[in-house]
Structure formats: structure tokens, C-alpha cells
Amino acid sequence: MISEDALDLWAAPRRTPPGGQPYYSDLAIELCLTLDMVFKQPLRQTQGLMRSIVTLLGVAIAVPDFSNLSRRRRCHEVDLLGDPQL
């Protein structure tokens, strides 16, 4: 069972500056990008993996699509255990 607090962190908070509002939180994007790095797979497959995980958990949340992950990858640096070779 996943707590409601954890599910609330999946959606991005509203921003006050003008412009588009992000749909997914930084946490959601970083989780997907971490899975991308761990399994060394393309973003489309990472999207499918996340959808499968969400389905298995029985949670009703949307999964970031590969184009969202690709765009926001530039803003997020995921470092696995500080290993520069990854």
C-alpha cells in the first residue's frame, strides 16, 4: 500500500510565474530517470516499465511520457551513488 502523502508528491505544485504548469513533480521525473539509468533502456521502455509498476501496485496515477522525460532530463542530474562512470 502506498500512502496518500507519497501519492500527493507525484503531482507538481502550482507555480505562480506565467507559463505552462508542469504536470509531474521533480520527484516523479527523477524516479523515472533513475530507472532509466539503472536498467540502461530507452525512455519509451522506461515509460512502459513505470506503467507496469503503477498497474501492479494498483495506484491511479499518470506516468510521465518519454517526451516529458526527455525534455526535463536536461534540468535533472541523477547521480547513482556518486559514481562518475555511470
PDB file of N, CA and C in Angstrom:
ATOM      1  N   MET A   1       0.845  -1.182   0.000  1.00  0.00           N
ATOM      2  CA  MET A   1       0.000   0.000   0.000  1.00  0.00           C
ATOM      3  C   MET A   1       0.892   1.247   0.000  1.00  0.00           C
ATOM      4  N   ILE A   2       0.554   2.187  -0.826  1.00  0.00           N
ATOM      5  CA  ILE A   2       1.301   3.436  -0.909  1.00  0.00           C
ATOM      6  C   ILE A   2       0.505   4.516  -0.191  1.00  0.00           C
ATOM      7  N   SER A   3       1.182   5.293   0.621  1.00  0.00           N
ATOM      8  CA  SER A   3       0.499   6.320   1.417  1.00  0.00           C
ATOM      9  C   SER A   3       0.001   7.463   0.539  1.00  0.00           C
ATOM     10  N   GLU A   4      -1.011   8.122   1.010  1.00  0.00           N
ATOM     11  CA  GLU A   4      -1.565   9.281   0.293  1.00  0.00           C
ATOM     12  C   GLU A   4      -0.541  10.408   0.204  1.00  0.00           C
ATOM     13  N   ASP A   5       0.310  10.525   1.216  1.00  0.00           N
ATOM     14  CA  ASP A   5       1.356  11.556   1.188  1.00  0.00           C
ATOM     15  C   ASP A   5       2.309  11.326   0.030  1.00  0.00           C
ATOM     16  N   ALA A   6       2.675  10.067  -0.191  1.00  0.00           N
ATOM     17  CA  ALA A   6       3.571   9.748  -1.306  1.00  0.00           C
ATOM     18  C   ALA A   6       2.891  10.021  -2.642  1.00  0.00           C
ATOM     19  N   LEU A   7       1.626   9.693  -2.751  1.00  0.00           N
ATOM     20  CA  LEU A   7       0.891   9.954  -3.995  1.00  0.00           C
ATOM     21  C   LEU A   7       0.743  11.446  -4.262  1.00  0.00           C
ATOM     22  N   ASP A   8       0.591  12.227  -3.199  1.00  0.00           N
ATOM     23  CA  ASP A   8       0.469  13.680  -3.363  1.00  0.00           C
ATOM     24  C   ASP A   8       1.754  14.295  -3.901  1.00  0.00           C
ATOM     25  N   LEU A   9       2.890  13.670  -3.628  1.00  0.00           N
ATOM     26  CA  LEU A   9       4.177  14.187  -4.111  1.00  0.00           C
ATOM     27  C   LEU A   9       4.392  13.923  -5.596  1.00  0.00           C
ATOM     28  N   TRP A  10       3.558  13.080  -6.204  1.00  0.00           N
ATOM     29  CA  TRP A  10       3.723  12.727  -7.617  1.00  0.00           C
ATOM     30  C   TRP A  10       3.358  13.888  -8.529  1.00  0.00           C
ATOM     31  N   ALA A  11       2.333  14.635  -8.166  1.00  0.00           N
ATOM     32  CA  ALA A  11       1.897  15.766  -8.994  1.00  0.00           C
ATOM     33  C   ALA A  11       2.714  17.008  -8.631  1.00  0.00           C
ATOM     34  N   ALA A  12       2.978  17.825  -9.635  1.00  0.00           N
ATOM     35  CA  ALA A  12       3.779  19.040  -9.420  1.00  0.00           C
ATOM     36  C   ALA A  12       2.942  20.109  -8.724  1.00  0.00           C
ATOM     37  N   PRO A  13       3.561  20.882  -7.825  1.00  0.00           N
ATOM     38  CA  PRO A  13       2.843  22.002  -7.211  1.00  0.00           C
ATOM     39  C   PRO A  13       2.632  23.114  -8.234  1.00  0.00           C
ATOM     40  N   ARG A  14       1.600  23.906  -8.035  1.00  0.00           N
ATOM     41  CA  ARG A  14       1.320  25.016  -8.949  1.00  0.00           C
ATOM     42  C   ARG A  14       2.373  26.091  -8.794  1.00  0.00           C
ATOM     43  N   ARG A  15       2.756  26.668  -9.930  1.00  0.00           N
ATOM     44  CA  ARG A  15       3.726  27.767  -9.931  1.00  0.00           C
ATOM     45  C   ARG A  15       2.976  29.076 -10.114  1.00  0.00           C
ATOM     46  N   THR A  16       3.574  30.157  -9.614  1.00  0.00           N
ATOM     47  CA  THR A  16       2.948  31.467  -9.772  1.00  0.00           C
ATOM     48  C   THR A  16       3.429  32.227 -11.004  1.00  0.00           C
ATOM     49  N   PRO A  17       4.651  32.004 -11.522  1.00  0.00           N
ATOM     50  CA  PRO A  17       5.057  32.749 -12.712  1.00  0.00           C
ATOM     51  C   PRO A  17       4.231  32.350 -13.926  1.00  0.00           C
ATOM     52  N   PRO A  18       4.149  33.249 -14.902  1.00  0.00           N
ATOM     53  CA  PRO A  18       3.407  32.899 -16.115  1.00  0.00           C
ATOM     54  C   PRO A  18       4.108  31.776 -16.882  1.00  0.00           C
ATOM     55  N   GLY A  19       3.337  31.093 -17.678  1.00  0.00           N
ATOM     56  CA  GLY A  19       3.891  29.995 -18.466  1.00  0.00           C
ATOM     57  C   GLY A  19       3.164  28.706 -18.156  1.00  0.00           C
ATOM     58  N   GLY A  20       3.587  27.654 -18.834  1.00  0.00           N
ATOM     59  CA  GLY A  20       2.953  26.352 -18.635  1.00  0.00           C
ATOM     60  C   GLY A  20       3.230  25.781 -17.259  1.00  0.00           C
ATOM     61  N   GLN A  21       2.284  25.037 -16.785  1.00  0.00           N
ATOM     62  CA  GLN A  21       2.415  24.401 -15.478  1.00  0.00           C
ATOM     63  C   GLN A  21       2.910  22.969 -15.669  1.00  0.00           C
ATOM     64  N   PRO A  22       3.933  22.558 -14.931  1.00  0.00           N
ATOM     65  CA  PRO A  22       4.351  21.157 -15.027  1.00  0.00           C
ATOM     66  C   PRO A  22       3.279  20.249 -14.429  1.00  0.00           C
ATOM     67  N   TYR A  23       3.092  19.093 -15.028  1.00  0.00           N
ATOM     68  CA  TYR A  23       2.090  18.147 -14.549  1.00  0.00           C
ATOM     69  C   TYR A  23       2.689  17.190 -13.521  1.00  0.00           C
ATOM     70  N   TYR A  24       3.952  16.817 -13.725  1.00  0.00           N
ATOM     71  CA  TYR A  24       4.621  15.858 -12.847  1.00  0.00           C
ATOM     72  C   TYR A  24       5.633  16.580 -11.971  1.00  0.00           C
ATOM     73  N   SER A  25       5.767  16.123 -10.739  1.00  0.00           N
ATOM     74  CA  SER A  25       6.738  16.720  -9.827  1.00  0.00           C
ATOM     75  C   SER A  25       8.154  16.316 -10.227  1.00  0.00           C
ATOM     76  N   ASP A  26       9.120  17.032  -9.675  1.00  0.00           N
ATOM     77  CA  ASP A  26      10.517  16.682  -9.900  1.00  0.00           C
ATOM     78  C   ASP A  26      10.803  15.273  -9.392  1.00  0.00           C
ATOM     79  N   LEU A  27      10.146  14.892  -8.305  1.00  0.00           N
ATOM     80  CA  LEU A  27      10.320  13.550  -7.749  1.00  0.00           C
ATOM     81  C   LEU A  27       9.903  12.484  -8.762  1.00  0.00           C
ATOM     82  N   ALA A  28       8.783  12.684  -9.426  1.00  0.00           N
ATOM     83  CA  ALA A  28       8.294  11.715 -10.411  1.00  0.00           C
ATOM     84  C   ALA A  28       9.274  11.592 -11.577  1.00  0.00           C
ATOM     85  N   ILE A  29       9.770  12.725 -12.062  1.00  0.00           N
ATOM     86  CA  ILE A  29      10.710  12.716 -13.183  1.00  0.00           C
ATOM     87  C   ILE A  29      12.016  12.048 -12.766  1.00  0.00           C
ATOM     88  N   GLU A  30      12.524  12.387 -11.584  1.00  0.00           N
ATOM     89  CA  GLU A  30      13.782  11.809 -11.120  1.00  0.00           C
ATOM     90  C   GLU A  30      13.667  10.308 -10.892  1.00  0.00           C
ATOM     91  N   LEU A  31      12.522   9.844 -10.414  1.00  0.00           N
ATOM     92  CA  LEU A  31      12.325   8.407 -10.239  1.00  0.00           C
ATOM     93  C   LEU A  31      12.399   7.697 -11.584  1.00  0.00           C
ATOM     94  N   CYS A  32      11.722   8.234 -12.586  1.00  0.00           N
ATOM     95  CA  CYS A  32      11.746   7.622 -13.926  1.00  0.00           C
ATOM     96  C   CYS A  32      13.145   7.668 -14.524  1.00  0.00           C
ATOM     97  N   LEU A  33      13.834   8.783 -14.370  1.00  0.00           N
ATOM     98  CA  LEU A  33      15.186   8.896 -14.922  1.00  0.00           C
ATOM     99  C   LEU A  33      16.167   7.972 -14.202  1.00  0.00           C
ATOM    100  N   THR A  34      15.937   7.732 -12.919  1.00  0.00           N
ATOM    101  CA  THR A  34      16.770   6.793 -12.174  1.00  0.00           C
ATOM    102  C   THR A  34      16.569   5.378 -12.709  1.00  0.00           C
ATOM    103  N   LEU A  35      15.319   5.005 -12.953  1.00  0.00           N
ATOM    104  CA  LEU A  35      15.054   3.678 -13.532  1.00  0.00           C
ATOM    105  C   LEU A  35      15.686   3.565 -14.914  1.00  0.00           C
ATOM    106  N   ASP A  36      15.659   4.656 -15.672  1.00  0.00           N
ATOM    107  CA  ASP A  36      16.284   4.693 -16.993  1.00  0.00           C
ATOM    108  C   ASP A  36      17.774   4.387 -16.888  1.00  0.00           C
ATOM    109  N   MET A  37      18.425   4.982 -15.912  1.00  0.00           N
ATOM    110  CA  MET A  37      19.870   4.773 -15.734  1.00  0.00           C
ATOM    111  C   MET A  37      20.180   3.381 -15.196  1.00  0.00           C
ATOM    112  N   VAL A  38      19.375   2.905 -14.269  1.00  0.00           N
ATOM    113  CA  VAL A  38      19.631   1.603 -13.651  1.00  0.00           C
ATOM    114  C   VAL A  38      19.505   0.480 -14.678  1.00  0.00           C
ATOM    115  N   PHE A  39      18.452   0.531 -15.491  1.00  0.00           N
ATOM    116  CA  PHE A  39      18.201  -0.542 -16.441  1.00  0.00           C
ATOM    117  C   PHE A  39      18.782  -0.267 -17.829  1.00  0.00           C
ATOM    118  N   LYS A  40      19.376   0.920 -18.008  1.00  0.00           N
ATOM    119  CA  LYS A  40      20.024   1.276 -19.275  1.00  0.00           C
ATOM    120  C   LYS A  40      19.129   0.983 -20.472  1.00  0.00           C
ATOM    121  N   GLN A  41      17.962   1.605 -20.449  1.00  0.00           N
ATOM    122  CA  GLN A  41      16.995   1.392 -21.512  1.00  0.00           C
ATOM    123  C   GLN A  41      16.519   2.727 -22.068  1.00  0.00           C
ATOM    124  N   PRO A  42      15.966   2.726 -23.282  1.00  0.00           N
ATOM    125  CA  PRO A  42      15.425   3.965 -23.847  1.00  0.00           C
ATOM    126  C   PRO A  42      14.250   4.479 -23.017  1.00  0.00           C
ATOM    127  N   LEU A  43      13.958   5.762 -23.175  1.00  0.00           N
ATOM    128  CA  LEU A  43      12.899   6.382 -22.377  1.00  0.00           C
ATOM    129  C   LEU A  43      11.521   5.787 -22.657  1.00  0.00           C
ATOM    130  N   ARG A  44      11.282   5.327 -23.876  1.00  0.00           N
ATOM    131  CA  ARG A  44       9.984   4.688 -24.166  1.00  0.00           C
ATOM    132  C   ARG A  44       9.807   3.422 -23.327  1.00  0.00           C
ATOM    133  N   GLN A  45      10.863   2.667 -23.158  1.00  0.00           N
ATOM    134  CA  GLN A  45      10.783   1.463 -22.344  1.00  0.00           C
ATOM    135  C   GLN A  45      10.668   1.809 -20.860  1.00  0.00           C
ATOM    136  N   THR A  46      11.306   2.895 -20.454  1.00  0.00           N
ATOM    137  CA  THR A  46      11.173   3.348 -19.069  1.00  0.00           C
ATOM    138  C   THR A  46       9.730   3.741 -18.779  1.00  0.00           C
ATOM    139  N   GLN A  47       9.100   4.412 -19.728  1.00  0.00           N
ATOM    140  CA  GLN A  47       7.689   4.778 -19.595  1.00  0.00           C
ATOM    141  C   GLN A  47       6.838   3.514 -19.430  1.00  0.00           C
ATOM    142  N   GLY A  48       7.087   2.498 -20.236  1.00  0.00           N
ATOM    143  CA  GLY A  48       6.348   1.241 -20.126  1.00  0.00           C
ATOM    144  C   GLY A  48       6.594   0.536 -18.809  1.00  0.00           C
ATOM    145  N   LEU A  49       7.838   0.553 -18.343  1.00  0.00           N
ATOM    146  CA  LEU A  49       8.164  -0.055 -17.051  1.00  0.00           C
ATOM    147  C   LEU A  49       7.401   0.639 -15.929  1.00  0.00           C
ATOM    148  N   MET A  50       7.381   1.954 -15.950  1.00  0.00           N
ATOM    149  CA  MET A  50       6.659   2.702 -14.912  1.00  0.00           C
ATOM    150  C   MET A  50       5.161   2.403 -14.965  1.00  0.00           C
ATOM    151  N   ARG A  51       4.604   2.311 -16.170  1.00  0.00           N
ATOM    152  CA  ARG A  51       3.175   1.965 -16.290  1.00  0.00           C
ATOM    153  C   ARG A  51       2.901   0.586 -15.707  1.00  0.00           C
ATOM    154  N   SER A  52       3.800  -0.355 -15.946  1.00  0.00           N
ATOM    155  CA  SER A  52       3.630  -1.703 -15.398  1.00  0.00           C
ATOM    156  C   SER A  52       3.702  -1.692 -13.874  1.00  0.00           C
ATOM    157  N   ILE A  53       4.644  -0.938 -13.332  1.00  0.00           N
ATOM    158  CA  ILE A  53       4.786  -0.846 -11.874  1.00  0.00           C
ATOM    159  C   ILE A  53       3.539  -0.233 -11.256  1.00  0.00           C
ATOM    160  N   VAL A  54       3.043   0.842 -11.863  1.00  0.00           N
ATOM    161  CA  VAL A  54       1.845   1.511 -11.354  1.00  0.00           C
ATOM    162  C   VAL A  54       0.646   0.560 -11.400  1.00  0.00           C
ATOM    163  N   THR A  55       0.533  -0.210 -12.488  1.00  0.00           N
ATOM    164  CA  THR A  55      -0.567  -1.170 -12.617  1.00  0.00           C
ATOM    165  C   THR A  55      -0.459  -2.258 -11.556  1.00  0.00           C
ATOM    166  N   LEU A  56       0.752  -2.795 -11.359  1.00  0.00           N
ATOM    167  CA  LEU A  56       0.941  -3.833 -10.355  1.00  0.00           C
ATOM    168  C   LEU A  56       0.630  -3.340  -8.945  1.00  0.00           C
ATOM    169  N   LEU A  57       0.951  -2.074  -8.680  1.00  0.00           N
ATOM    170  CA  LEU A  57       0.673  -1.508  -7.358  1.00  0.00           C
ATOM    171  C   LEU A  57      -0.797  -1.138  -7.187  1.00  0.00           C
ATOM    172  N   GLY A  58      -1.526  -1.058  -8.297  1.00  0.00           N
ATOM    173  CA  GLY A  58      -2.941  -0.694  -8.226  1.00  0.00           C
ATOM    174  C   GLY A  58      -3.158   0.758  -7.865  1.00  0.00           C
ATOM    175  N   VAL A  59      -2.257   1.610  -8.314  1.00  0.00           N
ATOM    176  CA  VAL A  59      -2.323   3.034  -7.995  1.00  0.00           C
ATOM    177  C   VAL A  59      -2.832   3.800  -9.210  1.00  0.00           C
ATOM    178  N   ALA A  60      -3.708   4.753  -8.988  1.00  0.00           N
ATOM    179  CA  ALA A  60      -4.277   5.536 -10.088  1.00  0.00           C
ATOM    180  C   ALA A  60      -3.514   6.850 -10.253  1.00  0.00           C
ATOM    181  N   ILE A  61      -2.302   6.758 -10.826  1.00  0.00           N
ATOM    182  CA  ILE A  61      -1.529   7.963 -11.124  1.00  0.00           C
ATOM    183  C   ILE A  61      -1.085   7.894 -12.579  1.00  0.00           C
ATOM    184  N   ALA A  62      -0.898   9.058 -13.168  1.00  0.00           N
ATOM    185  CA  ALA A  62      -0.416   9.127 -14.541  1.00  0.00           C
ATOM    186  C   ALA A  62       1.100   8.984 -14.549  1.00  0.00           C
ATOM    187  N   VAL A  63       1.617   8.391 -15.607  1.00  0.00           N
ATOM    188  CA  VAL A  63       3.058   8.169 -15.747  1.00  0.00           C
ATOM    189  C   VAL A  63       3.600   9.143 -16.791  1.00  0.00           C
ATOM    190  N   PRO A  64       4.726   9.803 -16.510  1.00  0.00           N
ATOM    191  CA  PRO A  64       5.301  10.721 -17.493  1.00  0.00           C
ATOM    192  C   PRO A  64       5.633   9.997 -18.796  1.00  0.00           C
ATOM    193  N   ASP A  65       5.297  10.625 -19.924  1.00  0.00           N
ATOM    194  CA  ASP A  65       5.625  10.011 -21.198  1.00  0.00           C
ATOM    195  C   ASP A  65       7.078  10.312 -21.556  1.00  0.00           C
ATOM    196  N   PHE A  66       7.577   9.606 -22.558  1.00  0.00           N
ATOM    197  CA  PHE A  66       9.003   9.694 -22.889  1.00  0.00           C
ATOM    198  C   PHE A  66       9.414  11.095 -23.321  1.00  0.00           C
ATOM    199  N   SER A  67       8.527  11.849 -23.974  1.00  0.00           N
ATOM    200  CA  SER A  67       8.901  13.202 -24.403  1.00  0.00           C
ATOM    201  C   SER A  67       9.029  14.144 -23.205  1.00  0.00           C
ATOM    202  N   ASN A  68       8.169  13.973 -22.206  1.00  0.00           N
ATOM    203  CA  ASN A  68       8.292  14.747 -20.963  1.00  0.00           C
ATOM    204  C   ASN A  68       9.606  14.425 -20.271  1.00  0.00           C
ATOM    205  N   LEU A  69       9.940  13.143 -20.213  1.00  0.00           N
ATOM    206  CA  LEU A  69      11.195  12.734 -19.567  1.00  0.00           C
ATOM    207  C   LEU A  69      12.395  13.296 -20.316  1.00  0.00           C
ATOM    208  N   SER A  70      12.323  13.276 -21.624  1.00  0.00           N
ATOM    209  CA  SER A  70      13.426  13.781 -22.429  1.00  0.00           C
ATOM    210  C   SER A  70      13.636  15.283 -22.228  1.00  0.00           C
ATOM    211  N   ARG A  71      12.538  16.028 -22.235  1.00  0.00           N
ATOM    212  CA  ARG A  71      12.641  17.485 -22.044  1.00  0.00           C
ATOM    213  C   ARG A  71      13.168  17.836 -20.671  1.00  0.00           C
ATOM    214  N   ARG A  72      12.653  17.176 -19.659  1.00  0.00           N
ATOM    215  CA  ARG A  72      13.019  17.541 -18.294  1.00  0.00           C
ATOM    216  C   ARG A  72      14.320  16.888 -17.831  1.00  0.00           C
ATOM    217  N   ARG A  73      14.851  15.975 -18.630  1.00  0.00           N
ATOM    218  CA  ARG A  73      16.136  15.353 -18.301  1.00  0.00           C
ATOM    219  C   ARG A  73      17.231  16.409 -18.233  1.00  0.00           C
ATOM    220  N   ARG A  74      17.116  17.431 -19.075  1.00  0.00           N
ATOM    221  CA  ARG A  74      18.138  18.492 -19.099  1.00  0.00           C
ATOM    222  C   ARG A  74      18.231  19.234 -17.770  1.00  0.00           C
ATOM    223  N   CYS A  75      17.127  19.290 -17.037  1.00  0.00           N
ATOM    224  CA  CYS A  75      17.091  20.038 -15.770  1.00  0.00           C
ATOM    225  C   CYS A  75      17.472  19.185 -14.566  1.00  0.00           C
ATOM    226  N   HIS A  76      17.494  17.869 -14.739  1.00  0.00           N
ATOM    227  CA  HIS A  76      17.729  16.975 -13.606  1.00  0.00           C
ATOM    228  C   HIS A  76      18.976  16.137 -13.847  1.00  0.00           C
ATOM    229  N   GLU A  77      19.825  16.123 -12.871  1.00  0.00           N
ATOM    230  CA  GLU A  77      21.011  15.276 -12.928  1.00  0.00           C
ATOM    231  C   GLU A  77      20.829  14.176 -11.901  1.00  0.00           C
ATOM    232  N   VAL A  78      20.730  12.955 -12.368  1.00  0.00           N
ATOM    233  CA  VAL A  78      20.571  11.812 -11.475  1.00  0.00           C
ATOM    234  C   VAL A  78      21.936  11.165 -11.315  1.00  0.00           C
ATOM    235  N   ASP A  79      22.401  11.093 -10.080  1.00  0.00           N
ATOM    236  CA  ASP A  79      23.727  10.539  -9.790  1.00  0.00           C
ATOM    237  C   ASP A  79      23.541   9.305  -8.927  1.00  0.00           C
ATOM    238  N   LEU A  80      23.898   8.156  -9.474  1.00  0.00           N
ATOM    239  CA  LEU A  80      23.767   6.906  -8.723  1.00  0.00           C
ATOM    240  C   LEU A  80      25.019   6.679  -7.890  1.00  0.00           C
ATOM    241  N   LEU A  81      24.914   6.860  -6.602  1.00  0.00           N
ATOM    242  CA  LEU A  81      25.968   6.610  -5.629  1.00  0.00           C
ATOM    243  C   LEU A  81      27.250   7.402  -5.914  1.00  0.00           C
ATOM    244  N   GLY A  82      27.139   8.493  -6.631  1.00  0.00           N
ATOM    245  CA  GLY A  82      28.293   9.332  -6.885  1.00  0.00           C
ATOM    246  C   GLY A  82      29.301   8.713  -7.823  1.00  0.00           C
ATOM    247  N   ASP A  83      28.937   7.691  -8.573  1.00  0.00           N
ATOM    248  CA  ASP A  83      29.855   7.010  -9.477  1.00  0.00           C
ATOM    249  C   ASP A  83      29.916   7.751 -10.802  1.00  0.00           C
ATOM    250  N   PRO A  84      31.047   8.384 -11.141  1.00  0.00           N
ATOM    251  CA  PRO A  84      31.126   9.161 -12.385  1.00  0.00           C
ATOM    252  C   PRO A  84      31.136   8.311 -13.645  1.00  0.00           C
ATOM    253  N   GLN A  85      31.308   6.987 -13.515  1.00  0.00           N
ATOM    254  CA  GLN A  85      31.352   6.124 -14.695  1.00  0.00           C
ATOM    255  C   GLN A  85      29.973   5.781 -15.217  1.00  0.00           C
ATOM    256  N   LEU A  86      28.919   6.046 -14.447  1.00  0.00           N
ATOM    257  CA  LEU A  86      27.573   5.708 -14.894  1.00  0.00           C
ATOM    258  C   LEU A  86      27.115   6.739 -15.811  1.00  0.00           C
TER     259      LEU A  86
END
